[in-house]
Amino acid sequence: MCRNITVLRGLEPAATEEEIYAAALQYVRKVGGLSGLSSATKPAVDKAVAAVAEATTALLTELPDRRVPPTSEPPLRRLARENL
């Protein structure tokens, strides 16, 4: 598994739609071997990201609570904290 995909389960507050979308995009780009999007790849990537984000949301809803929060902070939260 890609080490750079952020753990979203157990975050406080819970993962946002934006964080789930960012993780889904990261996953799809990694699996697809894409460093960027073109007009030829964008429709397929958008469709895949939507499906992965939907599956991720369902997974996070159905999993039991985590006893210990993740050790790393999602990138979007780090950026928000750094821009304060």
PDB file of N, CA and C in Angstrom:
ATOM      1  N   MET A   1       0.839  -1.182   0.000  1.00  0.00           N
ATOM      2  CA  MET A   1       0.000   0.000   0.000  1.00  0.00           C
ATOM      3  C   MET A   1       0.880   1.239   0.000  1.00  0.00           C
ATOM      4  N   CYS A   2       0.405   2.260  -0.613  1.00  0.00           N
ATOM      5  CA  CYS A   2       1.138   3.521  -0.676  1.00  0.00           C
ATOM      6  C   CYS A   2       1.208   4.135   0.724  1.00  0.00           C
ATOM      7  N   ARG A   3       2.384   4.430   1.185  1.00  0.00           N
ATOM      8  CA  ARG A   3       2.554   5.018   2.508  1.00  0.00           C
ATOM      9  C   ARG A   3       1.977   6.424   2.606  1.00  0.00           C
ATOM     10  N   ASN A   4       1.827   7.093   1.474  1.00  0.00           N
ATOM     11  CA  ASN A   4       1.403   8.489   1.501  1.00  0.00           C
ATOM     12  C   ASN A   4      -0.099   8.686   1.595  1.00  0.00           C
ATOM     13  N   ILE A   5      -0.874   7.634   1.471  1.00  0.00           N
ATOM     14  CA  ILE A   5      -2.314   7.786   1.605  1.00  0.00           C
ATOM     15  C   ILE A   5      -2.632   7.903   3.084  1.00  0.00           C
ATOM     16  N   THR A   6      -3.332   8.963   3.432  1.00  0.00           N
ATOM     17  CA  THR A   6      -3.577   9.323   4.820  1.00  0.00           C
ATOM     18  C   THR A   6      -4.625   8.429   5.468  1.00  0.00           C
ATOM     19  N   VAL A   7      -4.390   8.068   6.714  1.00  0.00           N
ATOM     20  CA  VAL A   7      -5.377   7.329   7.511  1.00  0.00           C
ATOM     21  C   VAL A   7      -6.466   8.317   7.914  1.00  0.00           C
ATOM     22  N   LEU A   8      -7.706   7.998   7.587  1.00  0.00           N
ATOM     23  CA  LEU A   8      -8.814   8.893   7.903  1.00  0.00           C
ATOM     24  C   LEU A   8      -9.682   8.377   9.051  1.00  0.00           C
ATOM     25  N   ARG A   9      -9.600   7.106   9.323  1.00  0.00           N
ATOM     26  CA  ARG A   9     -10.414   6.527  10.398  1.00  0.00           C
ATOM     27  C   ARG A   9      -9.897   6.984  11.751  1.00  0.00           C
ATOM     28  N   GLY A  10     -10.804   7.442  12.594  1.00  0.00           N
ATOM     29  CA  GLY A  10     -10.447   7.808  13.964  1.00  0.00           C
ATOM     30  C   GLY A  10     -10.038   9.248  14.143  1.00  0.00           C
ATOM     31  N   LEU A  11     -10.168  10.068  13.112  1.00  0.00           N
ATOM     32  CA  LEU A  11      -9.808  11.473  13.245  1.00  0.00           C
ATOM     33  C   LEU A  11     -10.819  12.198  14.122  1.00  0.00           C
ATOM     34  N   GLU A  12     -10.350  13.174  14.844  1.00  0.00           N
ATOM     35  CA  GLU A  12     -11.221  14.050  15.634  1.00  0.00           C
ATOM     36  C   GLU A  12     -10.920  15.477  15.245  1.00  0.00           C
ATOM     37  N   PRO A  13     -11.861  16.199  14.681  1.00  0.00           N
ATOM     38  CA  PRO A  13     -13.166  15.732  14.257  1.00  0.00           C
ATOM     39  C   PRO A  13     -13.053  14.761  13.079  1.00  0.00           C
ATOM     40  N   ALA A  14     -14.154  14.118  12.776  1.00  0.00           N
ATOM     41  CA  ALA A  14     -14.174  13.095  11.717  1.00  0.00           C
ATOM     42  C   ALA A  14     -13.710  13.679  10.385  1.00  0.00           C
ATOM     43  N   ALA A  15     -13.239  12.802   9.510  1.00  0.00           N
ATOM     44  CA  ALA A  15     -12.767  13.212   8.185  1.00  0.00           C
ATOM     45  C   ALA A  15     -13.874  13.949   7.439  1.00  0.00           C
ATOM     46  N   THR A  16     -13.479  15.015   6.772  1.00  0.00           N
ATOM     47  CA  THR A  16     -14.432  15.809   5.995  1.00  0.00           C
ATOM     48  C   THR A  16     -14.569  15.236   4.588  1.00  0.00           C
ATOM     49  N   GLU A  17     -15.596  15.690   3.865  1.00  0.00           N
ATOM     50  CA  GLU A  17     -15.760  15.282   2.469  1.00  0.00           C
ATOM     51  C   GLU A  17     -14.540  15.681   1.654  1.00  0.00           C
ATOM     52  N   GLU A  18     -13.983  16.844   1.942  1.00  0.00           N
ATOM     53  CA  GLU A  18     -12.803  17.319   1.224  1.00  0.00           C
ATOM     54  C   GLU A  18     -11.599  16.403   1.468  1.00  0.00           C
ATOM     55  N   GLU A  19     -11.413  15.955   2.709  1.00  0.00           N
ATOM     56  CA  GLU A  19     -10.307  15.044   3.025  1.00  0.00           C
ATOM     57  C   GLU A  19     -10.507  13.683   2.370  1.00  0.00           C
ATOM     58  N   ILE A  20     -11.739  13.202   2.352  1.00  0.00           N
ATOM     59  CA  ILE A  20     -12.035  11.926   1.703  1.00  0.00           C
ATOM     60  C   ILE A  20     -11.796  12.047   0.206  1.00  0.00           C
ATOM     61  N   TYR A  21     -12.222  13.139  -0.408  1.00  0.00           N
ATOM     62  CA  TYR A  21     -12.006  13.359  -1.842  1.00  0.00           C
ATOM     63  C   TYR A  21     -10.509  13.414  -2.144  1.00  0.00           C
ATOM     64  N   ALA A  22      -9.738  14.125  -1.325  1.00  0.00           N
ATOM     65  CA  ALA A  22      -8.290  14.241  -1.555  1.00  0.00           C
ATOM     66  C   ALA A  22      -7.620  12.875  -1.473  1.00  0.00           C
ATOM     67  N   ALA A  23      -8.031  12.045  -0.515  1.00  0.00           N
ATOM     68  CA  ALA A  23      -7.458  10.706  -0.392  1.00  0.00           C
ATOM     69  C   ALA A  23      -7.854   9.840  -1.590  1.00  0.00           C
ATOM     70  N   ALA A  24      -9.094   9.978  -2.044  1.00  0.00           N
ATOM     71  CA  ALA A  24      -9.557   9.210  -3.205  1.00  0.00           C
ATOM     72  C   ALA A  24      -8.787   9.616  -4.458  1.00  0.00           C
ATOM     73  N   LEU A  25      -8.582  10.905  -4.640  1.00  0.00           N
ATOM     74  CA  LEU A  25      -7.820  11.388  -5.789  1.00  0.00           C
ATOM     75  C   LEU A  25      -6.386  10.878  -5.736  1.00  0.00           C
ATOM     76  N   GLN A  26      -5.788  10.917  -4.560  1.00  0.00           N
ATOM     77  CA  GLN A  26      -4.420  10.427  -4.398  1.00  0.00           C
ATOM     78  C   GLN A  26      -4.342   8.940  -4.760  1.00  0.00           C
ATOM     79  N   TYR A  27      -5.305   8.167  -4.304  1.00  0.00           N
ATOM     80  CA  TYR A  27      -5.342   6.730  -4.597  1.00  0.00           C
ATOM     81  C   TYR A  27      -5.488   6.486  -6.100  1.00  0.00           C
ATOM     82  N   VAL A  28      -6.443   7.154  -6.725  1.00  0.00           N
ATOM     83  CA  VAL A  28      -6.703   6.952  -8.154  1.00  0.00           C
ATOM     84  C   VAL A  28      -5.488   7.359  -8.987  1.00  0.00           C
ATOM     85  N   ARG A  29      -4.868   8.468  -8.646  1.00  0.00           N
ATOM     86  CA  ARG A  29      -3.682   8.902  -9.388  1.00  0.00           C
ATOM     87  C   ARG A  29      -2.542   7.904  -9.223  1.00  0.00           C
ATOM     88  N   LYS A  30      -2.372   7.360  -8.030  1.00  0.00           N
ATOM     89  CA  LYS A  30      -1.311   6.388  -7.787  1.00  0.00           C
ATOM     90  C   LYS A  30      -1.562   5.108  -8.580  1.00  0.00           C
ATOM     91  N   VAL A  31      -2.780   4.578  -8.477  1.00  0.00           N
ATOM     92  CA  VAL A  31      -3.115   3.336  -9.168  1.00  0.00           C
ATOM     93  C   VAL A  31      -3.049   3.521 -10.677  1.00  0.00           C
ATOM     94  N   GLY A  32      -3.483   4.687 -11.153  1.00  0.00           N
ATOM     95  CA  GLY A  32      -3.482   4.955 -12.589  1.00  0.00           C
ATOM     96  C   GLY A  32      -2.135   5.389 -13.133  1.00  0.00           C
ATOM     97  N   GLY A  33      -1.167   5.601 -12.253  1.00  0.00           N
ATOM     98  CA  GLY A  33       0.149   6.044 -12.701  1.00  0.00           C
ATOM     99  C   GLY A  33       0.109   7.428 -13.325  1.00  0.00           C
ATOM    100  N   LEU A  34      -0.733   8.286 -12.775  1.00  0.00           N
ATOM    101  CA  LEU A  34      -0.921   9.627 -13.326  1.00  0.00           C
ATOM    102  C   LEU A  34      -0.253  10.676 -12.451  1.00  0.00           C
ATOM    103  N   SER A  35       0.593  11.496 -13.062  1.00  0.00           N
ATOM    104  CA  SER A  35       1.185  12.595 -12.297  1.00  0.00           C
ATOM    105  C   SER A  35       0.372  13.869 -12.475  1.00  0.00           C
ATOM    106  N   GLY A  36      -0.458  13.894 -13.492  1.00  0.00           N
ATOM    107  CA  GLY A  36      -1.323  15.044 -13.745  1.00  0.00           C
ATOM    108  C   GLY A  36      -2.526  14.598 -14.549  1.00  0.00           C
ATOM    109  N   LEU A  37      -3.460  15.499 -14.733  1.00  0.00           N
ATOM    110  CA  LEU A  37      -4.664  15.172 -15.481  1.00  0.00           C
ATOM    111  C   LEU A  37      -4.656  15.900 -16.821  1.00  0.00           C
ATOM    112  N   SER A  38      -5.148  15.215 -17.834  1.00  0.00           N
ATOM    113  CA  SER A  38      -5.306  15.815 -19.158  1.00  0.00           C
ATOM    114  C   SER A  38      -6.775  15.706 -19.535  1.00  0.00           C
ATOM    115  N   SER A  39      -7.134  16.325 -20.637  1.00  0.00           N
ATOM    116  CA  SER A  39      -8.525  16.228 -21.088  1.00  0.00           C
ATOM    117  C   SER A  39      -8.892  14.780 -21.434  1.00  0.00           C
ATOM    118  N   ALA A  40      -7.899  13.976 -21.767  1.00  0.00           N
ATOM    119  CA  ALA A  40      -8.145  12.570 -22.098  1.00  0.00           C
ATOM    120  C   ALA A  40      -8.358  11.714 -20.850  1.00  0.00           C
ATOM    121  N   THR A  41      -7.723  12.070 -19.739  1.00  0.00           N
ATOM    122  CA  THR A  41      -7.816  11.250 -18.530  1.00  0.00           C
ATOM    123  C   THR A  41      -8.823  11.770 -17.511  1.00  0.00           C
ATOM    124  N   LYS A  42      -9.162  13.052 -17.561  1.00  0.00           N
ATOM    125  CA  LYS A  42     -10.004  13.664 -16.540  1.00  0.00           C
ATOM    126  C   LYS A  42     -11.359  12.979 -16.347  1.00  0.00           C
ATOM    127  N   PRO A  43     -12.113  12.660 -17.415  1.00  0.00           N
ATOM    128  CA  PRO A  43     -13.419  12.011 -17.190  1.00  0.00           C
ATOM    129  C   PRO A  43     -13.313  10.683 -16.437  1.00  0.00           C
ATOM    130  N   ALA A  44     -12.352   9.860 -16.809  1.00  0.00           N
ATOM    131  CA  ALA A  44     -12.186   8.565 -16.138  1.00  0.00           C
ATOM    132  C   ALA A  44     -11.744   8.762 -14.694  1.00  0.00           C
ATOM    133  N   VAL A  45     -10.846   9.708 -14.475  1.00  0.00           N
ATOM    134  CA  VAL A  45     -10.364   9.974 -13.114  1.00  0.00           C
ATOM    135  C   VAL A  45     -11.496  10.511 -12.252  1.00  0.00           C
ATOM    136  N   ASP A  46     -12.263  11.456 -12.765  1.00  0.00           N
ATOM    137  CA  ASP A  46     -13.385  12.014 -11.994  1.00  0.00           C
ATOM    138  C   ASP A  46     -14.376  10.927 -11.590  1.00  0.00           C
ATOM    139  N   LYS A  47     -14.685  10.041 -12.516  1.00  0.00           N
ATOM    140  CA  LYS A  47     -15.619   8.947 -12.232  1.00  0.00           C
ATOM    141  C   LYS A  47     -15.055   8.008 -11.170  1.00  0.00           C
ATOM    142  N   ALA A  48     -13.782   7.671 -11.292  1.00  0.00           N
ATOM    143  CA  ALA A  48     -13.144   6.765 -10.326  1.00  0.00           C
ATOM    144  C   ALA A  48     -13.038   7.411  -8.954  1.00  0.00           C
ATOM    145  N   VAL A  49     -12.681   8.682  -8.910  1.00  0.00           N
ATOM    146  CA  VAL A  49     -12.558   9.387  -7.622  1.00  0.00           C
ATOM    147  C   VAL A  49     -13.912   9.425  -6.918  1.00  0.00           C
ATOM    148  N   ALA A  50     -14.978   9.693  -7.655  1.00  0.00           N
ATOM    149  CA  ALA A  50     -16.310   9.715  -7.052  1.00  0.00           C
ATOM    150  C   ALA A  50     -16.656   8.349  -6.458  1.00  0.00           C
ATOM    151  N   ALA A  51     -16.349   7.281  -7.178  1.00  0.00           N
ATOM    152  CA  ALA A  51     -16.648   5.928  -6.693  1.00  0.00           C
ATOM    153  C   ALA A  51     -15.813   5.586  -5.458  1.00  0.00           C
ATOM    154  N   VAL A  52     -14.530   5.924  -5.496  1.00  0.00           N
ATOM    155  CA  VAL A  52     -13.652   5.632  -4.354  1.00  0.00           C
ATOM    156  C   VAL A  52     -14.069   6.471  -3.141  1.00  0.00           C
ATOM    157  N   ALA A  53     -14.406   7.726  -3.351  1.00  0.00           N
ATOM    158  CA  ALA A  53     -14.841   8.584  -2.239  1.00  0.00           C
ATOM    159  C   ALA A  53     -16.129   8.051  -1.619  1.00  0.00           C
ATOM    160  N   GLU A  54     -17.049   7.594  -2.452  1.00  0.00           N
ATOM    161  CA  GLU A  54     -18.298   7.030  -1.944  1.00  0.00           C
ATOM    162  C   GLU A  54     -18.030   5.760  -1.131  1.00  0.00           C
ATOM    163  N   ALA A  55     -17.172   4.894  -1.652  1.00  0.00           N
ATOM    164  CA  ALA A  55     -16.824   3.661  -0.933  1.00  0.00           C
ATOM    165  C   ALA A  55     -16.094   3.980   0.370  1.00  0.00           C
ATOM    166  N   THR A  56     -15.235   4.982   0.340  1.00  0.00           N
ATOM    167  CA  THR A  56     -14.491   5.368   1.548  1.00  0.00           C
ATOM    168  C   THR A  56     -15.430   5.907   2.611  1.00  0.00           C
ATOM    169  N   THR A  57     -16.373   6.733   2.210  1.00  0.00           N
ATOM    170  CA  THR A  57     -17.352   7.275   3.155  1.00  0.00           C
ATOM    171  C   THR A  57     -18.149   6.142   3.794  1.00  0.00           C
ATOM    172  N   ALA A  58     -18.595   5.188   2.989  1.00  0.00           N
ATOM    173  CA  ALA A  58     -19.345   4.043   3.516  1.00  0.00           C
ATOM    174  C   ALA A  58     -18.473   3.233   4.477  1.00  0.00           C
ATOM    175  N   LEU A  59     -17.233   3.004   4.107  1.00  0.00           N
ATOM    176  CA  LEU A  59     -16.322   2.240   4.956  1.00  0.00           C
ATOM    177  C   LEU A  59     -16.118   2.925   6.301  1.00  0.00           C
ATOM    178  N   LEU A  60     -15.840   4.217   6.282  1.00  0.00           N
ATOM    179  CA  LEU A  60     -15.597   4.944   7.531  1.00  0.00           C
ATOM    180  C   LEU A  60     -16.836   4.966   8.415  1.00  0.00           C
ATOM    181  N   THR A  61     -18.014   4.971   7.804  1.00  0.00           N
ATOM    182  CA  THR A  61     -19.269   4.957   8.563  1.00  0.00           C
ATOM    183  C   THR A  61     -19.501   3.600   9.225  1.00  0.00           C
ATOM    184  N   GLU A  62     -19.125   2.546   8.526  1.00  0.00           N
ATOM    185  CA  GLU A  62     -19.421   1.200   9.008  1.00  0.00           C
ATOM    186  C   GLU A  62     -18.379   0.624   9.956  1.00  0.00           C
ATOM    187  N   LEU A  63     -17.151   1.112   9.911  1.00  0.00           N
ATOM    188  CA  LEU A  63     -16.113   0.582  10.797  1.00  0.00           C
ATOM    189  C   LEU A  63     -16.360   1.030  12.232  1.00  0.00           C
ATOM    190  N   PRO A  64     -15.990   0.192  13.205  1.00  0.00           N
ATOM    191  CA  PRO A  64     -16.122   0.621  14.600  1.00  0.00           C
ATOM    192  C   PRO A  64     -15.132   1.741  14.902  1.00  0.00           C
ATOM    193  N   ASP A  65     -15.416   2.479  15.983  1.00  0.00           N
ATOM    194  CA  ASP A  65     -14.511   3.552  16.383  1.00  0.00           C
ATOM    195  C   ASP A  65     -13.125   3.001  16.670  1.00  0.00           C
ATOM    196  N   ARG A  66     -12.145   3.822  16.425  1.00  0.00           N
ATOM    197  CA  ARG A  66     -10.754   3.470  16.726  1.00  0.00           C
ATOM    198  C   ARG A  66     -10.452   3.793  18.168  1.00  0.00           C
ATOM    199  N   ARG A  67      -9.682   2.967  18.821  1.00  0.00           N
ATOM    200  CA  ARG A  67      -9.316   3.225  20.217  1.00  0.00           C
ATOM    201  C   ARG A  67      -8.240   4.289  20.314  1.00  0.00           C
ATOM    202  N   VAL A  68      -7.363   4.296  19.336  1.00  0.00           N
ATOM    203  CA  VAL A  68      -6.247   5.246  19.332  1.00  0.00           C
ATOM    204  C   VAL A  68      -6.318   6.030  18.026  1.00  0.00           C
ATOM    205  N   PRO A  69      -6.251   7.359  18.088  1.00  0.00           N
ATOM    206  CA  PRO A  69      -6.306   8.136  16.850  1.00  0.00           C
ATOM    207  C   PRO A  69      -5.070   7.892  15.989  1.00  0.00           C
ATOM    208  N   PRO A  70      -5.156   8.190  14.691  1.00  0.00           N
ATOM    209  CA  PRO A  70      -3.995   8.004  13.817  1.00  0.00           C
ATOM    210  C   PRO A  70      -2.818   8.854  14.295  1.00  0.00           C
ATOM    211  N   THR A  71      -1.618   8.396  13.986  1.00  0.00           N
ATOM    212  CA  THR A  71      -0.426   9.117  14.434  1.00  0.00           C
ATOM    213  C   THR A  71      -0.088  10.309  13.558  1.00  0.00           C
ATOM    214  N   SER A  72      -0.621  10.334  12.342  1.00  0.00           N
ATOM    215  CA  SER A  72      -0.323  11.464  11.469  1.00  0.00           C
ATOM    216  C   SER A  72      -1.585  12.267  11.200  1.00  0.00           C
ATOM    217  N   GLU A  73      -1.383  13.529  10.920  1.00  0.00           N
ATOM    218  CA  GLU A  73      -2.475  14.447  10.625  1.00  0.00           C
ATOM    219  C   GLU A  73      -2.650  14.529   9.109  1.00  0.00           C
ATOM    220  N   PRO A  74      -3.890  14.529   8.609  1.00  0.00           N
ATOM    221  CA  PRO A  74      -4.092  14.636   7.163  1.00  0.00           C
ATOM    222  C   PRO A  74      -3.471  15.916   6.602  1.00  0.00           C
ATOM    223  N   PRO A  75      -2.969  15.870   5.372  1.00  0.00           N
ATOM    224  CA  PRO A  75      -2.315  17.034   4.773  1.00  0.00           C
ATOM    225  C   PRO A  75      -3.167  18.295   4.778  1.00  0.00           C
ATOM    226  N   LEU A  76      -4.462  18.176   4.522  1.00  0.00           N
ATOM    227  CA  LEU A  76      -5.306  19.370   4.500  1.00  0.00           C
ATOM    228  C   LEU A  76      -5.381  20.034   5.867  1.00  0.00           C
ATOM    229  N   ARG A  77      -5.327  19.256   6.923  1.00  0.00           N
ATOM    230  CA  ARG A  77      -5.343  19.833   8.275  1.00  0.00           C
ATOM    231  C   ARG A  77      -4.004  20.474   8.603  1.00  0.00           C
ATOM    232  N   ARG A  78      -2.915  19.860   8.134  1.00  0.00           N
ATOM    233  CA  ARG A  78      -1.597  20.462   8.353  1.00  0.00           C
ATOM    234  C   ARG A  78      -1.502  21.802   7.655  1.00  0.00           C
ATOM    235  N   LEU A  79      -1.983  21.864   6.403  1.00  0.00           N
ATOM    236  CA  LEU A  79      -1.937  23.111   5.649  1.00  0.00           C
ATOM    237  C   LEU A  79      -2.776  24.200   6.331  1.00  0.00           C
ATOM    238  N   ALA A  80      -3.954  23.831   6.804  1.00  0.00           N
ATOM    239  CA  ALA A  80      -4.818  24.805   7.481  1.00  0.00           C
ATOM    240  C   ALA A  80      -4.145  25.323   8.743  1.00  0.00           C
ATOM    241  N   ARG A  81      -3.503  24.442   9.488  1.00  0.00           N
ATOM    242  CA  ARG A  81      -2.831  24.843  10.735  1.00  0.00           C
ATOM    243  C   ARG A  81      -1.658  25.759  10.435  1.00  0.00           C
ATOM    244  N   GLU A  82      -0.907  25.441   9.379  1.00  0.00           N
ATOM    245  CA  GLU A  82       0.271  26.237   9.020  1.00  0.00           C
ATOM    246  C   GLU A  82      -0.110  27.623   8.515  1.00  0.00           C
ATOM    247  N   ASN A  83      -1.302  27.759   7.951  1.00  0.00           N
ATOM    248  CA  ASN A  83      -1.744  29.043   7.402  1.00  0.00           C
ATOM    249  C   ASN A  83      -2.439  29.926   8.408  1.00  0.00           C
ATOM    250  N   LEU A  84      -2.516  29.487   9.649  1.00  0.00           N
ATOM    251  CA  LEU A  84      -3.155  30.305  10.695  1.00  0.00           C
ATOM    252  C   LEU A  84      -2.316  31.501  11.057  1.00  0.00           C
TER     253      LEU A  84
END
